[in-house]
Amino acid sequence: MDKEKVIKLLIDYRSYEFAVRNIESGIGSSGPLMPINMKNHRLMRAGDWDYRRYSLIVKMIKGAVDEVLSDNERTVITRKYLDQNKKSIKQIAHELHRDRGTVTSWHTSALKHLINALSPLDEEFEHIENCDHMYDRDGHFQYPA
């Protein structure tokens, strides 16, 4: 897991959370049948497949932010990436009555901690890819050759 992937996960966190809530309410639990993973050819609906993947991402990010980061690091990450009204480092520094350099160091430290804590998702990222090649023109699953 590298810094860019962690930042992308943090930026997209609210979207993953929204998708999980919608799938839980039954809105997204449909779609074509897909293999559970590349090693297991059992099939599941695409919505269920997305739910497993997205709920893992949400759970890992929430756990890492809540349990791995210090209070100051958590505040910076939450305000910069997770809050609905995201703020810049400069705005966060102003709100916390801290030097911008201090807030930047908390941000850098938090990202380092999150890179380590979210490393199990790196493998999950490798499996988030376009699977169109696994379907025929009618949308029916065909086993990879």
C-alpha atoms as a PDB file:
ATOM      1  CA  MET A   1       0.000   0.000   0.000  1.00  0.00           C
ATOM      2  CA  ASP A   2       1.428   3.360  -0.944  1.00  0.00           C
ATOM      3  CA  LYS A   3       0.528   6.913   0.015  1.00  0.00           C
ATOM      4  CA  GLU A   4      -1.485   7.605  -3.165  1.00  0.00           C
ATOM      5  CA  LYS A   5      -3.673   4.506  -2.631  1.00  0.00           C
ATOM      6  CA  VAL A   6      -4.310   5.463   1.001  1.00  0.00           C
ATOM      7  CA  ILE A   7      -5.271   9.009   0.010  1.00  0.00           C
ATOM      8  CA  LYS A   8      -7.574   7.654  -2.736  1.00  0.00           C
ATOM      9  CA  LEU A   9      -9.240   5.316  -0.214  1.00  0.00           C
ATOM     10  CA  LEU A  10      -9.709   8.192   2.236  1.00  0.00           C
ATOM     11  CA  ILE A  11     -11.114  10.497  -0.447  1.00  0.00           C
ATOM     12  CA  ASP A  12     -13.544   7.789  -1.615  1.00  0.00           C
ATOM     13  CA  TYR A  13     -14.477   6.605   1.909  1.00  0.00           C
ATOM     14  CA  ARG A  14     -17.877   8.323   1.987  1.00  0.00           C
ATOM     15  CA  SER A  15     -18.757   6.822  -1.411  1.00  0.00           C
ATOM     16  CA  TYR A  16     -17.866   3.327  -0.192  1.00  0.00           C
ATOM     17  CA  GLU A  17     -19.938   3.921   2.934  1.00  0.00           C
ATOM     18  CA  PHE A  18     -22.889   5.109   0.819  1.00  0.00           C
ATOM     19  CA  ALA A  19     -22.629   2.040  -1.436  1.00  0.00           C
ATOM     20  CA  VAL A  20     -22.565  -0.320   1.568  1.00  0.00           C
ATOM     21  CA  ARG A  21     -25.678   1.313   3.060  1.00  0.00           C
ATOM     22  CA  ASN A  22     -27.521   1.062  -0.276  1.00  0.00           C
ATOM     23  CA  ILE A  23     -26.585  -2.565  -0.798  1.00  0.00           C
ATOM     24  CA  GLU A  24     -27.625  -3.377   2.796  1.00  0.00           C
ATOM     25  CA  SER A  25     -31.025  -1.829   2.103  1.00  0.00           C
ATOM     26  CA  GLY A  26     -31.419  -4.042  -0.973  1.00  0.00           C
ATOM     27  CA  ILE A  27     -30.952  -1.328  -3.581  1.00  0.00           C
ATOM     28  CA  GLY A  28     -27.762  -2.752  -5.074  1.00  0.00           C
ATOM     29  CA  SER A  29     -27.908  -6.481  -4.419  1.00  0.00           C
ATOM     30  CA  SER A  30     -28.416  -7.529  -8.010  1.00  0.00           C
ATOM     31  CA  GLY A  31     -26.370  -7.692 -11.157  1.00  0.00           C
ATOM     32  CA  PRO A  32     -24.756 -10.444 -13.154  1.00  0.00           C
ATOM     33  CA  LEU A  33     -23.222 -13.501 -11.545  1.00  0.00           C
ATOM     34  CA  MET A  34     -19.486 -13.174 -10.906  1.00  0.00           C
ATOM     35  CA  PRO A  35     -16.862 -15.538  -9.494  1.00  0.00           C
ATOM     36  CA  ILE A  36     -16.201 -15.039  -5.776  1.00  0.00           C
ATOM     37  CA  ASN A  37     -12.495 -14.713  -6.561  1.00  0.00           C
ATOM     38  CA  MET A  38     -10.040 -15.865  -9.181  1.00  0.00           C
ATOM     39  CA  LYS A  39      -9.266 -19.101  -7.306  1.00  0.00           C
ATOM     40  CA  ASN A  40     -12.844 -20.048  -6.481  1.00  0.00           C
ATOM     41  CA  HIS A  41     -15.241 -20.309  -9.401  1.00  0.00           C
ATOM     42  CA  ARG A  42     -18.386 -20.304  -7.230  1.00  0.00           C
ATOM     43  CA  LEU A  43     -20.627 -17.478  -8.381  1.00  0.00           C
ATOM     44  CA  MET A  44     -22.344 -14.642  -6.529  1.00  0.00           C
ATOM     45  CA  ARG A  45     -24.322 -11.586  -7.613  1.00  0.00           C
ATOM     46  CA  ALA A  46     -22.240  -8.519  -8.507  1.00  0.00           C
ATOM     47  CA  GLY A  47     -24.018  -6.455  -5.819  1.00  0.00           C
ATOM     48  CA  ASP A  48     -23.071  -8.998  -3.153  1.00  0.00           C
ATOM     49  CA  TRP A  49     -19.525  -9.090  -4.480  1.00  0.00           C
ATOM     50  CA  ASP A  50     -19.312  -5.280  -4.269  1.00  0.00           C
ATOM     51  CA  TYR A  51     -20.829  -5.361  -0.780  1.00  0.00           C
ATOM     52  CA  ARG A  52     -18.122  -7.729   0.495  1.00  0.00           C
ATOM     53  CA  ARG A  53     -15.378  -5.622  -1.035  1.00  0.00           C
ATOM     54  CA  TYR A  54     -16.738  -2.206  -0.025  1.00  0.00           C
ATOM     55  CA  SER A  55     -17.705  -3.209   3.503  1.00  0.00           C
ATOM     56  CA  LEU A  56     -14.162  -4.525   4.034  1.00  0.00           C
ATOM     57  CA  ILE A  57     -12.720  -1.200   2.863  1.00  0.00           C
ATOM     58  CA  VAL A  58     -15.090   0.791   5.123  1.00  0.00           C
ATOM     59  CA  LYS A  59     -14.390  -1.441   8.121  1.00  0.00           C
ATOM     60  CA  MET A  60     -10.612  -1.280   7.640  1.00  0.00           C
ATOM     61  CA  ILE A  61     -10.498   2.504   7.207  1.00  0.00           C
ATOM     62  CA  LYS A  62     -12.799   3.166  10.166  1.00  0.00           C
ATOM     63  CA  GLY A  63     -10.845   0.776  12.373  1.00  0.00           C
ATOM     64  CA  ALA A  64      -7.481   2.180  11.362  1.00  0.00           C
ATOM     65  CA  VAL A  65      -8.541   5.796  11.876  1.00  0.00           C
ATOM     66  CA  ASP A  66     -10.197   5.052  15.237  1.00  0.00           C
ATOM     67  CA  GLU A  67      -7.618   2.660  16.674  1.00  0.00           C
ATOM     68  CA  VAL A  68      -4.240   3.389  15.088  1.00  0.00           C
ATOM     69  CA  LEU A  69      -4.065   7.180  14.897  1.00  0.00           C
ATOM     70  CA  SER A  70      -3.421   9.595  17.748  1.00  0.00           C
ATOM     71  CA  ASP A  71      -6.147  12.102  18.586  1.00  0.00           C
ATOM     72  CA  ASN A  72      -4.369  14.864  16.655  1.00  0.00           C
ATOM     73  CA  GLU A  73      -3.754  12.639  13.617  1.00  0.00           C
ATOM     74  CA  ARG A  74      -7.375  11.433  13.666  1.00  0.00           C
ATOM     75  CA  THR A  75      -8.639  15.009  13.777  1.00  0.00           C
ATOM     76  CA  VAL A  76      -6.568  16.014  10.751  1.00  0.00           C
ATOM     77  CA  ILE A  77      -7.515  12.937   8.691  1.00  0.00           C
ATOM     78  CA  THR A  78     -11.191  13.263   9.588  1.00  0.00           C
ATOM     79  CA  ARG A  79     -11.399  16.950   8.727  1.00  0.00           C
ATOM     80  CA  LYS A  80      -9.298  16.679   5.569  1.00  0.00           C
ATOM     81  CA  TYR A  81     -10.787  13.502   4.061  1.00  0.00           C
ATOM     82  CA  LEU A  82     -13.734  12.010   5.935  1.00  0.00           C
ATOM     83  CA  ASP A  83     -15.966  14.951   6.869  1.00  0.00           C
ATOM     84  CA  GLN A  84     -18.635  15.987   4.398  1.00  0.00           C
ATOM     85  CA  ASN A  85     -17.173  19.504   4.281  1.00  0.00           C
ATOM     86  CA  LYS A  86     -13.503  18.735   3.746  1.00  0.00           C
ATOM     87  CA  LYS A  87     -10.921  21.263   4.850  1.00  0.00           C
ATOM     88  CA  SER A  88      -7.401  22.130   3.779  1.00  0.00           C
ATOM     89  CA  ILE A  89      -4.392  21.825   6.078  1.00  0.00           C
ATOM     90  CA  LYS A  90      -4.380  25.620   6.382  1.00  0.00           C
ATOM     91  CA  GLN A  91      -8.057  25.676   7.484  1.00  0.00           C
ATOM     92  CA  ILE A  92      -7.477  22.838   9.965  1.00  0.00           C
ATOM     93  CA  ALA A  93      -4.459  24.641  11.428  1.00  0.00           C
ATOM     94  CA  HIS A  94      -6.523  27.804  11.835  1.00  0.00           C
ATOM     95  CA  GLU A  95      -9.396  25.935  13.551  1.00  0.00           C
ATOM     96  CA  LEU A  96      -7.037  24.115  15.919  1.00  0.00           C
ATOM     97  CA  HIS A  97      -4.991  27.269  16.638  1.00  0.00           C
ATOM     98  CA  ARG A  98      -1.854  25.415  15.574  1.00  0.00           C
ATOM     99  CA  ASP A  99       1.011  26.139  13.242  1.00  0.00           C
ATOM    100  CA  ARG A 100       0.491  24.845   9.693  1.00  0.00           C
ATOM    101  CA  GLY A 101       3.783  22.914   9.969  1.00  0.00           C
ATOM    102  CA  THR A 102       2.522  21.079  13.052  1.00  0.00           C
ATOM    103  CA  VAL A 103      -0.694  20.061  11.329  1.00  0.00           C
ATOM    104  CA  THR A 104       1.280  18.997   8.254  1.00  0.00           C
ATOM    105  CA  SER A 105       3.499  16.775  10.419  1.00  0.00           C
ATOM    106  CA  TRP A 106       0.406  15.191  12.026  1.00  0.00           C
ATOM    107  CA  HIS A 107      -0.980  14.585   8.526  1.00  0.00           C
ATOM    108  CA  THR A 108       2.273  13.001   7.320  1.00  0.00           C
ATOM    109  CA  SER A 109       2.512  10.834  10.417  1.00  0.00           C
ATOM    110  CA  ALA A 110      -1.120   9.735  10.061  1.00  0.00           C
ATOM    111  CA  LEU A 111      -0.586   8.722   6.434  1.00  0.00           C
ATOM    112  CA  LYS A 112       2.456   6.646   7.436  1.00  0.00           C
ATOM    113  CA  HIS A 113       0.411   4.854  10.097  1.00  0.00           C
ATOM    114  CA  LEU A 114      -2.458   4.290   7.657  1.00  0.00           C
ATOM    115  CA  ILE A 115      -0.134   2.899   4.969  1.00  0.00           C
ATOM    116  CA  ASN A 116       0.844   0.149   7.410  1.00  0.00           C
ATOM    117  CA  ALA A 117      -2.622  -0.403   8.875  1.00  0.00           C
ATOM    118  CA  LEU A 118      -4.347  -0.609   5.484  1.00  0.00           C
ATOM    119  CA  SER A 119      -1.740  -2.803   3.802  1.00  0.00           C
ATOM    120  CA  PRO A 120      -4.111  -5.845   3.839  1.00  0.00           C
ATOM    121  CA  LEU A 121      -6.325  -3.866   1.432  1.00  0.00           C
ATOM    122  CA  ASP A 122      -3.488  -3.753  -1.087  1.00  0.00           C
ATOM    123  CA  GLU A 123      -4.361  -7.284  -2.175  1.00  0.00           C
ATOM    124  CA  GLU A 124      -8.032  -6.274  -2.308  1.00  0.00           C
ATOM    125  CA  PHE A 125      -7.071  -3.384  -4.590  1.00  0.00           C
ATOM    126  CA  GLU A 126      -5.376  -5.818  -6.935  1.00  0.00           C
ATOM    127  CA  HIS A 127      -8.721  -7.563  -7.420  1.00  0.00           C
ATOM    128  CA  ILE A 128     -10.710  -4.403  -8.116  1.00  0.00           C
ATOM    129  CA  GLU A 129     -10.460  -4.403 -11.850  1.00  0.00           C
ATOM    130  CA  ASN A 130     -12.574  -4.553 -14.945  1.00  0.00           C
ATOM    131  CA  CYS A 131     -13.968  -8.060 -15.426  1.00  0.00           C
ATOM    132  CA  ASP A 132     -15.690  -7.450 -18.762  1.00  0.00           C
ATOM    133  CA  HIS A 133     -13.419 -10.010 -20.431  1.00  0.00           C
ATOM    134  CA  MET A 134     -15.119 -12.704 -18.315  1.00  0.00           C
ATOM    135  CA  TYR A 135     -18.562 -12.141 -19.884  1.00  0.00           C
ATOM    136  CA  ASP A 136     -19.956 -12.786 -23.320  1.00  0.00           C
ATOM    137  CA  ARG A 137     -21.877 -10.139 -25.267  1.00  0.00           C
ATOM    138  CA  ASP A 138     -25.127 -11.127 -23.560  1.00  0.00           C
ATOM    139  CA  GLY A 139     -23.666 -10.604 -20.081  1.00  0.00           C
ATOM    140  CA  HIS A 140     -23.333 -14.284 -19.178  1.00  0.00           C
ATOM    141  CA  PHE A 141     -20.298 -15.361 -17.208  1.00  0.00           C
ATOM    142  CA  GLN A 142     -17.798 -17.514 -19.047  1.00  0.00           C
ATOM    143  CA  TYR A 143     -14.947 -19.200 -17.232  1.00  0.00           C
ATOM    144  CA  PRO A 144     -11.525 -17.752 -18.053  1.00  0.00           C
ATOM    145  CA  ALA A 145      -9.507 -19.847 -20.447  1.00  0.00           C
END
